[in-house]
Amino acid sequence: MARAARNILRRAYVGINQPAGGAVSSAITVTGTVVPNGTTVETAWGTHPVNQPTTGWGAATAVAGTGGGGWTRTTTRPASPGTYYLHVRPVAAPRSSAASAAVIVT
């Protein structure tokens, strides 16, 4: 019996535009890209550049764009000063995640 190959088109690919550092608990709008267009994504702040946080995930809003799609979310920076990473992942394929470069929260 042959196993069916996983369809690559079922995966989603996400990107994140580098968020700015800033004051603790201050509002920030973060954006990025997603393929395929319209894929539902969520974001969360974490302290590790690779390991995803286990809590704090919130839904982003899909934005249609030329040649693909995007996403946007208004969130707040973490409540404690430090170095953080904004993680983004497709809801349907959470292992296809991305993280920002270091964001300094003061």
PDB file of N, CA and C in Angstrom:
ATOM      1  N   MET A   1       0.836  -1.161   0.000  1.00  0.00           N
ATOM      2  CA  MET A   1       0.000   0.000   0.000  1.00  0.00           C
ATOM      3  C   MET A   1       0.896   1.244   0.000  1.00  0.00           C
ATOM      4  N   ALA A   2       0.668   2.143  -0.915  1.00  0.00           N
ATOM      5  CA  ALA A   2       1.472   3.355  -1.025  1.00  0.00           C
ATOM      6  C   ALA A   2       0.902   4.447  -0.121  1.00  0.00           C
ATOM      7  N   ARG A   3       1.793   5.185   0.489  1.00  0.00           N
ATOM      8  CA  ARG A   3       1.355   6.320   1.308  1.00  0.00           C
ATOM      9  C   ARG A   3       1.165   7.530   0.425  1.00  0.00           C
ATOM     10  N   ALA A   4       0.155   8.282   0.698  1.00  0.00           N
ATOM     11  CA  ALA A   4      -0.093   9.511  -0.058  1.00  0.00           C
ATOM     12  C   ALA A   4       0.915  10.567   0.386  1.00  0.00           C
ATOM     13  N   ALA A   5       1.477  11.249  -0.567  1.00  0.00           N
ATOM     14  CA  ALA A   5       2.417  12.334  -0.256  1.00  0.00           C
ATOM     15  C   ALA A   5       1.642  13.531   0.268  1.00  0.00           C
ATOM     16  N   ARG A   6       2.228  14.237   1.206  1.00  0.00           N
ATOM     17  CA  ARG A   6       1.582  15.439   1.737  1.00  0.00           C
ATOM     18  C   ARG A   6       1.620  16.528   0.673  1.00  0.00           C
ATOM     19  N   ASN A   7       0.497  17.127   0.442  1.00  0.00           N
ATOM     20  CA  ASN A   7       0.380  18.173  -0.566  1.00  0.00           C
ATOM     21  C   ASN A   7       1.058  19.445  -0.060  1.00  0.00           C
ATOM     22  N   ILE A   8       2.085  19.892  -0.771  1.00  0.00           N
ATOM     23  CA  ILE A   8       2.828  21.083  -0.351  1.00  0.00           C
ATOM     24  C   ILE A   8       1.957  22.331  -0.357  1.00  0.00           C
ATOM     25  N   LEU A   9       0.907  22.331  -1.162  1.00  0.00           N
ATOM     26  CA  LEU A   9       0.037  23.495  -1.209  1.00  0.00           C
ATOM     27  C   LEU A   9      -0.819  23.637   0.053  1.00  0.00           C
ATOM     28  N   ARG A  10      -0.862  22.622   0.879  1.00  0.00           N
ATOM     29  CA  ARG A  10      -1.615  22.711   2.127  1.00  0.00           C
ATOM     30  C   ARG A  10      -0.820  23.423   3.212  1.00  0.00           C
ATOM     31  N   ARG A  11       0.453  23.582   3.000  1.00  0.00           N
ATOM     32  CA  ARG A  11       1.286  24.292   3.970  1.00  0.00           C
ATOM     33  C   ARG A  11       1.164  25.785   3.738  1.00  0.00           C
ATOM     34  N   ALA A  12       1.443  26.535   4.749  1.00  0.00           N
ATOM     35  CA  ALA A  12       1.459  27.983   4.628  1.00  0.00           C
ATOM     36  C   ALA A  12       2.867  28.476   4.942  1.00  0.00           C
ATOM     37  N   TYR A  13       3.237  29.567   4.334  1.00  0.00           N
ATOM     38  CA  TYR A  13       4.536  30.189   4.576  1.00  0.00           C
ATOM     39  C   TYR A  13       4.287  31.597   5.077  1.00  0.00           C
ATOM     40  N   VAL A  14       4.923  31.956   6.177  1.00  0.00           N
ATOM     41  CA  VAL A  14       4.706  33.268   6.770  1.00  0.00           C
ATOM     42  C   VAL A  14       6.002  34.057   6.843  1.00  0.00           C
ATOM     43  N   GLY A  15       5.861  35.357   6.806  1.00  0.00           N
ATOM     44  CA  GLY A  15       6.970  36.277   6.992  1.00  0.00           C
ATOM     45  C   GLY A  15       6.528  37.354   7.959  1.00  0.00           C
ATOM     46  N   ILE A  16       7.490  38.012   8.567  1.00  0.00           N
ATOM     47  CA  ILE A  16       7.182  39.058   9.533  1.00  0.00           C
ATOM     48  C   ILE A  16       8.066  40.263   9.259  1.00  0.00           C
ATOM     49  N   ASN A  17       7.461  41.444   9.252  1.00  0.00           N
ATOM     50  CA  ASN A  17       8.223  42.682   9.131  1.00  0.00           C
ATOM     51  C   ASN A  17       8.761  43.016  10.523  1.00  0.00           C
ATOM     52  N   GLN A  18       9.998  43.445  10.597  1.00  0.00           N
ATOM     53  CA  GLN A  18      10.650  43.662  11.891  1.00  0.00           C
ATOM     54  C   GLN A  18       9.905  44.697  12.729  1.00  0.00           C
ATOM     55  N   PRO A  19       9.384  44.285  13.889  1.00  0.00           N
ATOM     56  CA  PRO A  19       8.733  45.257  14.775  1.00  0.00           C
ATOM     57  C   PRO A  19       9.769  46.116  15.498  1.00  0.00           C
ATOM     58  N   ALA A  20       9.366  47.316  15.865  1.00  0.00           N
ATOM     59  CA  ALA A  20      10.257  48.237  16.566  1.00  0.00           C
ATOM     60  C   ALA A  20      10.230  47.975  18.059  1.00  0.00           C
ATOM     61  N   GLY A  21      11.327  48.265  18.704  1.00  0.00           N
ATOM     62  CA  GLY A  21      11.366  48.218  20.159  1.00  0.00           C
ATOM     63  C   GLY A  21      10.567  49.373  20.721  1.00  0.00           C
ATOM     64  N   GLY A  22      10.401  49.408  22.014  1.00  0.00           N
ATOM     65  CA  GLY A  22       9.644  50.490  22.627  1.00  0.00           C
ATOM     66  C   GLY A  22       9.414  50.239  24.096  1.00  0.00           C
ATOM     67  N   ALA A  23       8.534  51.025  24.658  1.00  0.00           N
ATOM     68  CA  ALA A  23       8.241  50.956  26.085  1.00  0.00           C
ATOM     69  C   ALA A  23       7.389  49.736  26.424  1.00  0.00           C
ATOM     70  N   VAL A  24       7.562  49.228  27.628  1.00  0.00           N
ATOM     71  CA  VAL A  24       6.773  48.081  28.079  1.00  0.00           C
ATOM     72  C   VAL A  24       5.284  48.396  27.985  1.00  0.00           C
ATOM     73  N   SER A  25       4.520  47.405  27.640  1.00  0.00           N
ATOM     74  CA  SER A  25       3.052  47.471  27.558  1.00  0.00           C
ATOM     75  C   SER A  25       2.511  48.530  26.602  1.00  0.00           C
ATOM     76  N   SER A  26       3.348  49.035  25.698  1.00  0.00           N
ATOM     77  CA  SER A  26       2.862  50.028  24.734  1.00  0.00           C
ATOM     78  C   SER A  26       2.306  49.327  23.493  1.00  0.00           C
ATOM     79  N   ALA A  27       1.371  49.971  22.849  1.00  0.00           N
ATOM     80  CA  ALA A  27       0.712  49.396  21.676  1.00  0.00           C
ATOM     81  C   ALA A  27       1.644  49.414  20.464  1.00  0.00           C
ATOM     82  N   ILE A  28       1.485  48.414  19.621  1.00  0.00           N
ATOM     83  CA  ILE A  28       2.253  48.316  18.383  1.00  0.00           C
ATOM     84  C   ILE A  28       1.417  47.548  17.362  1.00  0.00           C
ATOM     85  N   THR A  29       1.497  47.975  16.116  1.00  0.00           N
ATOM     86  CA  THR A  29       0.857  47.241  15.031  1.00  0.00           C
ATOM     87  C   THR A  29       1.954  46.505  14.281  1.00  0.00           C
ATOM     88  N   VAL A  30       1.811  45.194  14.177  1.00  0.00           N
ATOM     89  CA  VAL A  30       2.796  44.363  13.498  1.00  0.00           C
ATOM     90  C   VAL A  30       2.181  43.822  12.214  1.00  0.00           C
ATOM     91  N   THR A  31       3.040  43.611  11.205  1.00  0.00           N
ATOM     92  CA  THR A  31       2.572  43.162   9.899  1.00  0.00           C
ATOM     93  C   THR A  31       3.512  42.113   9.332  1.00  0.00           C
ATOM     94  N   GLY A  32       3.052  41.454   8.285  1.00  0.00           N
ATOM     95  CA  GLY A  32       3.880  40.480   7.610  1.00  0.00           C
ATOM     96  C   GLY A  32       3.174  39.931   6.381  1.00  0.00           C
ATOM     97  N   THR A  33       3.744  38.880   5.824  1.00  0.00           N
ATOM     98  CA  THR A  33       3.189  38.260   4.627  1.00  0.00           C
ATOM     99  C   THR A  33       2.794  36.818   4.924  1.00  0.00           C
ATOM    100  N   VAL A  34       1.927  36.289   4.085  1.00  0.00           N
ATOM    101  CA  VAL A  34       1.512  34.903   4.217  1.00  0.00           C
ATOM    102  C   VAL A  34       1.137  34.354   2.845  1.00  0.00           C
ATOM    103  N   VAL A  35       1.541  33.123   2.592  1.00  0.00           N
ATOM    104  CA  VAL A  35       1.188  32.415   1.363  1.00  0.00           C
ATOM    105  C   VAL A  35       0.650  31.065   1.787  1.00  0.00           C
ATOM    106  N   PRO A  36      -0.499  30.652   1.317  1.00  0.00           N
ATOM    107  CA  PRO A  36      -1.377  31.319   0.364  1.00  0.00           C
ATOM    108  C   PRO A  36      -2.161  32.462   1.005  1.00  0.00           C
ATOM    109  N   ASN A  37      -2.594  33.354   0.156  1.00  0.00           N
ATOM    110  CA  ASN A  37      -3.354  34.527   0.565  1.00  0.00           C
ATOM    111  C   ASN A  37      -4.577  34.087   1.377  1.00  0.00           C
ATOM    112  N   GLY A  38      -4.857  34.776   2.463  1.00  0.00           N
ATOM    113  CA  GLY A  38      -6.028  34.487   3.270  1.00  0.00           C
ATOM    114  C   GLY A  38      -5.825  33.460   4.365  1.00  0.00           C
ATOM    115  N   THR A  39      -4.625  32.904   4.475  1.00  0.00           N
ATOM    116  CA  THR A  39      -4.343  31.939   5.530  1.00  0.00           C
ATOM    117  C   THR A  39      -4.456  32.620   6.894  1.00  0.00           C
ATOM    118  N   THR A  40      -5.108  31.981   7.826  1.00  0.00           N
ATOM    119  CA  THR A  40      -5.262  32.528   9.167  1.00  0.00           C
ATOM    120  C   THR A  40      -3.963  32.352   9.942  1.00  0.00           C
ATOM    121  N   VAL A  41      -3.458  33.454  10.505  1.00  0.00           N
ATOM    122  CA  VAL A  41      -2.226  33.398  11.285  1.00  0.00           C
ATOM    123  C   VAL A  41      -2.461  33.978  12.674  1.00  0.00           C
ATOM    124  N   GLU A  42      -1.549  33.659  13.583  1.00  0.00           N
ATOM    125  CA  GLU A  42      -1.590  34.194  14.936  1.00  0.00           C
ATOM    126  C   GLU A  42      -0.182  34.576  15.366  1.00  0.00           C
ATOM    127  N   THR A  43      -0.081  35.502  16.324  1.00  0.00           N
ATOM    128  CA  THR A  43       1.216  35.972  16.794  1.00  0.00           C
ATOM    129  C   THR A  43       1.294  35.897  18.313  1.00  0.00           C
ATOM    130  N   ALA A  44       2.529  35.857  18.812  1.00  0.00           N
ATOM    131  CA  ALA A  44       2.775  35.894  20.256  1.00  0.00           C
ATOM    132  C   ALA A  44       4.204  36.368  20.504  1.00  0.00           C
ATOM    133  N   TRP A  45       4.415  37.027  21.621  1.00  0.00           N
ATOM    134  CA  TRP A  45       5.748  37.438  22.041  1.00  0.00           C
ATOM    135  C   TRP A  45       6.397  36.303  22.812  1.00  0.00           C
ATOM    136  N   GLY A  46       7.686  36.078  22.559  1.00  0.00           N
ATOM    137  CA  GLY A  46       8.427  35.061  23.280  1.00  0.00           C
ATOM    138  C   GLY A  46       9.822  35.538  23.603  1.00  0.00           C
ATOM    139  N   THR A  47      10.502  34.815  24.467  1.00  0.00           N
ATOM    140  CA  THR A  47      11.860  35.194  24.873  1.00  0.00           C
ATOM    141  C   THR A  47      12.930  34.397  24.151  1.00  0.00           C
ATOM    142  N   HIS A  48      12.543  33.462  23.305  1.00  0.00           N
ATOM    143  CA  HIS A  48      13.505  32.627  22.584  1.00  0.00           C
ATOM    144  C   HIS A  48      13.335  32.826  21.084  1.00  0.00           C
ATOM    145  N   PRO A  49      14.430  32.933  20.326  1.00  0.00           N
ATOM    146  CA  PRO A  49      14.314  33.193  18.888  1.00  0.00           C
ATOM    147  C   PRO A  49      13.808  32.005  18.061  1.00  0.00           C
ATOM    148  N   VAL A  50      13.826  30.797  18.621  1.00  0.00           N
ATOM    149  CA  VAL A  50      13.401  29.613  17.863  1.00  0.00           C
ATOM    150  C   VAL A  50      12.189  28.943  18.493  1.00  0.00           C
ATOM    151  N   ASN A  51      12.254  28.680  19.781  1.00  0.00           N
ATOM    152  CA  ASN A  51      11.161  27.989  20.467  1.00  0.00           C
ATOM    153  C   ASN A  51       9.952  28.903  20.608  1.00  0.00           C
ATOM    154  N   GLN A  52       8.821  28.429  20.115  1.00  0.00           N
ATOM    155  CA  GLN A  52       7.595  29.207  20.183  1.00  0.00           C
ATOM    156  C   GLN A  52       7.091  29.300  21.622  1.00  0.00           C
ATOM    157  N   PRO A  53       6.476  30.435  21.979  1.00  0.00           N
ATOM    158  CA  PRO A  53       5.874  30.521  23.312  1.00  0.00           C
ATOM    159  C   PRO A  53       4.670  29.579  23.399  1.00  0.00           C
ATOM    160  N   THR A  54       4.345  29.145  24.589  1.00  0.00           N
ATOM    161  CA  THR A  54       3.213  28.227  24.764  1.00  0.00           C
ATOM    162  C   THR A  54       1.903  28.964  25.016  1.00  0.00           C
ATOM    163  N   THR A  55       1.978  30.226  25.399  1.00  0.00           N
ATOM    164  CA  THR A  55       0.772  31.014  25.667  1.00  0.00           C
ATOM    165  C   THR A  55       0.886  32.378  25.000  1.00  0.00           C
ATOM    166  N   GLY A  56      -0.207  33.122  25.033  1.00  0.00           N
ATOM    167  CA  GLY A  56      -0.192  34.499  24.544  1.00  0.00           C
ATOM    168  C   GLY A  56      -0.504  34.675  23.071  1.00  0.00           C
ATOM    169  N   TRP A  57      -0.955  33.636  22.388  1.00  0.00           N
ATOM    170  CA  TRP A  57      -1.237  33.722  20.959  1.00  0.00           C
ATOM    171  C   TRP A  57      -2.535  34.482  20.720  1.00  0.00           C
ATOM    172  N   GLY A  58      -2.514  35.332  19.688  1.00  0.00           N
ATOM    173  CA  GLY A  58      -3.702  36.087  19.299  1.00  0.00           C
ATOM    174  C   GLY A  58      -3.821  36.140  17.798  1.00  0.00           C
ATOM    175  N   ALA A  59      -5.042  36.169  17.315  1.00  0.00           N
ATOM    176  CA  ALA A  59      -5.312  36.128  15.873  1.00  0.00           C
ATOM    177  C   ALA A  59      -4.944  37.437  15.184  1.00  0.00           C
ATOM    178  N   ALA A  60      -4.386  37.302  14.000  1.00  0.00           N
ATOM    179  CA  ALA A  60      -4.080  38.451  13.150  1.00  0.00           C
ATOM    180  C   ALA A  60      -5.179  38.571  12.101  1.00  0.00           C
ATOM    181  N   THR A  61      -5.258  39.724  11.468  1.00  0.00           N
ATOM    182  CA  THR A  61      -6.244  39.979  10.425  1.00  0.00           C
ATOM    183  C   THR A  61      -5.585  39.812   9.070  1.00  0.00           C
ATOM    184  N   ALA A  62      -6.251  39.092   8.172  1.00  0.00           N
ATOM    185  CA  ALA A  62      -5.728  38.902   6.819  1.00  0.00           C
ATOM    186  C   ALA A  62      -5.873  40.185   6.013  1.00  0.00           C
ATOM    187  N   VAL A  63      -4.864  40.464   5.182  1.00  0.00           N
ATOM    188  CA  VAL A  63      -4.867  41.630   4.313  1.00  0.00           C
ATOM    189  C   VAL A  63      -4.518  41.155   2.906  1.00  0.00           C
ATOM    190  N   ALA A  64      -5.379  41.429   1.941  1.00  0.00           N
ATOM    191  CA  ALA A  64      -5.108  41.030   0.560  1.00  0.00           C
ATOM    192  C   ALA A  64      -4.009  41.918  -0.012  1.00  0.00           C
ATOM    193  N   GLY A  65      -3.165  41.331  -0.841  1.00  0.00           N
ATOM    194  CA  GLY A  65      -2.077  42.099  -1.437  1.00  0.00           C
ATOM    195  C   GLY A  65      -1.751  41.615  -2.830  1.00  0.00           C
ATOM    196  N   THR A  66      -0.957  42.371  -3.525  1.00  0.00           N
ATOM    197  CA  THR A  66      -0.530  42.005  -4.862  1.00  0.00           C
ATOM    198  C   THR A  66       0.498  40.887  -4.784  1.00  0.00           C
ATOM    199  N   GLY A  67       0.269  39.806  -5.495  1.00  0.00           N
ATOM    200  CA  GLY A  67       1.216  38.708  -5.534  1.00  0.00           C
ATOM    201  C   GLY A  67       1.251  37.875  -4.267  1.00  0.00           C
ATOM    202  N   GLY A  68       0.256  37.974  -3.455  1.00  0.00           N
ATOM    203  CA  GLY A  68       0.212  37.217  -2.217  1.00  0.00           C
ATOM    204  C   GLY A  68      -0.651  37.916  -1.206  1.00  0.00           C
ATOM    205  N   GLY A  69      -0.529  37.522   0.021  1.00  0.00           N
ATOM    206  CA  GLY A  69      -1.352  38.124   1.054  1.00  0.00           C
ATOM    207  C   GLY A  69      -0.520  38.612   2.198  1.00  0.00           C
ATOM    208  N   GLY A  70      -1.162  39.263   3.104  1.00  0.00           N
ATOM    209  CA  GLY A  70      -0.477  39.768   4.273  1.00  0.00           C
ATOM    210  C   GLY A  70      -1.338  39.582   5.503  1.00  0.00           C
ATOM    211  N   TRP A  71      -0.823  40.020   6.611  1.00  0.00           N
ATOM    212  CA  TRP A  71      -1.551  39.977   7.860  1.00  0.00           C
ATOM    213  C   TRP A  71      -1.148  41.185   8.687  1.00  0.00           C
ATOM    214  N   THR A  72      -1.994  41.560   9.629  1.00  0.00           N
ATOM    215  CA  THR A  72      -1.720  42.672  10.525  1.00  0.00           C
ATOM    216  C   THR A  72      -2.357  42.372  11.879  1.00  0.00           C
ATOM    217  N   ARG A  73      -1.739  42.874  12.917  1.00  0.00           N
ATOM    218  CA  ARG A  73      -2.294  42.709  14.266  1.00  0.00           C
ATOM    219  C   ARG A  73      -1.830  43.852  15.149  1.00  0.00           C
ATOM    220  N   THR A  74      -2.760  44.421  15.883  1.00  0.00           N
ATOM    221  CA  THR A  74      -2.412  45.408  16.891  1.00  0.00           C
ATOM    222  C   THR A  74      -2.313  44.669  18.213  1.00  0.00           C
ATOM    223  N   THR A  75      -1.180  44.823  18.866  1.00  0.00           N
ATOM    224  CA  THR A  75      -0.907  44.106  20.111  1.00  0.00           C
ATOM    225  C   THR A  75      -0.170  45.053  21.050  1.00  0.00           C
ATOM    226  N   THR A  76       0.247  44.567  22.177  1.00  0.00           N
ATOM    227  CA  THR A  76       1.064  45.370  23.087  1.00  0.00           C
ATOM    228  C   THR A  76       2.397  44.670  23.302  1.00  0.00           C
ATOM    229  N   ARG A  77       3.419  45.468  23.506  1.00  0.00           N
ATOM    230  CA  ARG A  77       4.730  44.912  23.813  1.00  0.00           C
ATOM    231  C   ARG A  77       4.658  44.248  25.192  1.00  0.00           C
ATOM    232  N   PRO A  78       5.565  43.329  25.484  1.00  0.00           N
ATOM    233  CA  PRO A  78       5.540  42.650  26.790  1.00  0.00           C
ATOM    234  C   PRO A  78       5.617  43.633  27.960  1.00  0.00           C
ATOM    235  N   ALA A  79       5.132  43.174  29.119  1.00  0.00           N
ATOM    236  CA  ALA A  79       5.016  44.022  30.308  1.00  0.00           C
ATOM    237  C   ALA A  79       6.303  44.162  31.110  1.00  0.00           C
ATOM    238  N   SER A  80       7.346  43.424  30.762  1.00  0.00           N
ATOM    239  CA  SER A  80       8.627  43.519  31.470  1.00  0.00           C
ATOM    240  C   SER A  80       9.723  43.896  30.488  1.00  0.00           C
ATOM    241  N   PRO A  81      10.685  44.725  30.896  1.00  0.00           N
ATOM    242  CA  PRO A  81      11.789  45.066  29.999  1.00  0.00           C
ATOM    243  C   PRO A  81      12.597  43.818  29.641  1.00  0.00           C
ATOM    244  N   GLY A  82      13.170  43.823  28.448  1.00  0.00           N
ATOM    245  CA  GLY A  82      14.008  42.703  28.042  1.00  0.00           C
ATOM    246  C   GLY A  82      14.069  42.560  26.537  1.00  0.00           C
ATOM    247  N   THR A  83      14.643  41.449  26.112  1.00  0.00           N
ATOM    248  CA  THR A  83      14.762  41.131  24.686  1.00  0.00           C
ATOM    249  C   THR A  83      13.705  40.098  24.340  1.00  0.00           C
ATOM    250  N   TYR A  84      12.906  40.412  23.340  1.00  0.00           N
ATOM    251  CA  TYR A  84      11.806  39.537  22.936  1.00  0.00           C
ATOM    252  C   TYR A  84      11.854  39.286  21.433  1.00  0.00           C
ATOM    253  N   TYR A  85      11.077  38.304  21.013  1.00  0.00           N
ATOM    254  CA  TYR A  85      10.927  37.945  19.611  1.00  0.00           C
ATOM    255  C   TYR A  85       9.444  37.793  19.333  1.00  0.00           C
ATOM    256  N   LEU A  86       8.979  38.381  18.243  1.00  0.00           N
ATOM    257  CA  LEU A  86       7.586  38.207  17.865  1.00  0.00           C
ATOM    258  C   LEU A  86       7.497  36.975  16.974  1.00  0.00           C
ATOM    259  N   HIS A  87       6.715  35.995  17.401  1.00  0.00           N
ATOM    260  CA  HIS A  87       6.528  34.766  16.639  1.00  0.00           C
ATOM    261  C   HIS A  87       5.211  34.843  15.883  1.00  0.00           C
ATOM    262  N   VAL A  88       5.196  34.307  14.680  1.00  0.00           N
ATOM    263  CA  VAL A  88       3.975  34.237  13.875  1.00  0.00           C
ATOM    264  C   VAL A  88       3.881  32.838  13.283  1.00  0.00           C
ATOM    265  N   ARG A  89       2.665  32.301  13.252  1.00  0.00           N
ATOM    266  CA  ARG A  89       2.478  30.958  12.698  1.00  0.00           C
ATOM    267  C   ARG A  89       1.087  30.848  12.078  1.00  0.00           C
ATOM    268  N   PRO A  90       0.979  30.023  11.040  1.00  0.00           N
ATOM    269  CA  PRO A  90      -0.347  29.739  10.488  1.00  0.00           C
ATOM    270  C   PRO A  90      -1.105  28.845  11.480  1.00  0.00           C
ATOM    271  N   VAL A  91      -2.368  29.101  11.667  1.00  0.00           N
ATOM    272  CA  VAL A  91      -3.158  28.311  12.606  1.00  0.00           C
ATOM    273  C   VAL A  91      -3.222  26.849  12.161  1.00  0.00           C
ATOM    274  N   ALA A  92      -3.363  26.613  10.856  1.00  0.00           N
ATOM    275  CA  ALA A  92      -3.503  25.253  10.344  1.00  0.00           C
ATOM    276  C   ALA A  92      -2.175  24.490  10.277  1.00  0.00           C
ATOM    277  N   ALA A  93      -1.053  25.201  10.298  1.00  0.00           N
ATOM    278  CA  ALA A  93       0.263  24.559  10.210  1.00  0.00           C
ATOM    279  C   ALA A  93       1.227  25.251  11.163  1.00  0.00           C
ATOM    280  N   PRO A  94       1.057  25.065  12.479  1.00  0.00           N
ATOM    281  CA  PRO A  94       1.839  25.828  13.454  1.00  0.00           C
ATOM    282  C   PRO A  94       3.346  25.611  13.404  1.00  0.00           C
ATOM    283  N   ARG A  95       3.797  24.530  12.789  1.00  0.00           N
ATOM    284  CA  ARG A  95       5.248  24.318  12.688  1.00  0.00           C
ATOM    285  C   ARG A  95       5.879  25.186  11.604  1.00  0.00           C
ATOM    286  N   SER A  96       5.077  25.752  10.721  1.00  0.00           N
ATOM    287  CA  SER A  96       5.570  26.643   9.663  1.00  0.00           C
ATOM    288  C   SER A  96       5.632  28.065  10.214  1.00  0.00           C
ATOM    289  N   SER A  97       6.397  28.258  11.253  1.00  0.00           N
ATOM    290  CA  SER A  97       6.428  29.538  11.933  1.00  0.00           C
ATOM    291  C   SER A  97       7.633  30.372  11.535  1.00  0.00           C
ATOM    292  N   ALA A  98       7.576  31.642  11.935  1.00  0.00           N
ATOM    293  CA  ALA A  98       8.690  32.573  11.733  1.00  0.00           C
ATOM    294  C   ALA A  98       8.809  33.419  12.982  1.00  0.00           C
ATOM    295  N   ALA A  99       9.978  33.984  13.199  1.00  0.00           N
ATOM    296  CA  ALA A  99      10.181  34.878  14.337  1.00  0.00           C
ATOM    297  C   ALA A  99      10.956  36.090  13.881  1.00  0.00           C
ATOM    298  N   SER A 100      10.687  37.206  14.520  1.00  0.00           N
ATOM    299  CA  SER A 100      11.395  38.445  14.217  1.00  0.00           C
ATOM    300  C   SER A 100      12.816  38.365  14.758  1.00  0.00           C
ATOM    301  N   ALA A 101      13.617  39.349  14.386  1.00  0.00           N
ATOM    302  CA  ALA A 101      14.913  39.536  15.038  1.00  0.00           C
ATOM    303  C   ALA A 101      14.614  40.086  16.432  1.00  0.00           C
ATOM    304  N   ALA A 102      15.624  40.224  17.243  1.00  0.00           N
ATOM    305  CA  ALA A 102      15.449  40.689  18.622  1.00  0.00           C
ATOM    306  C   ALA A 102      14.766  42.059  18.662  1.00  0.00           C
ATOM    307  N   VAL A 103      13.825  42.181  19.583  1.00  0.00           N
ATOM    308  CA  VAL A 103      13.114  43.424  19.833  1.00  0.00           C
ATOM    309  C   VAL A 103      13.402  43.818  21.279  1.00  0.00           C
ATOM    310  N   ILE A 104      13.974  45.005  21.468  1.00  0.00           N
ATOM    311  CA  ILE A 104      14.339  45.467  22.819  1.00  0.00           C
ATOM    312  C   ILE A 104      13.164  46.255  23.391  1.00  0.00           C
ATOM    313  N   VAL A 105      12.650  45.790  24.515  1.00  0.00           N
ATOM    314  CA  VAL A 105      11.546  46.461  25.206  1.00  0.00           C
ATOM    315  C   VAL A 105      12.132  47.088  26.469  1.00  0.00           C
ATOM    316  N   THR A 106      11.913  48.416  26.618  1.00  0.00           N
ATOM    317  CA  THR A 106      12.499  49.146  27.749  1.00  0.00           C
ATOM    318  C   THR A 106      11.448  49.627  28.719  1.00  0.00           C
TER     319      THR A 106
END
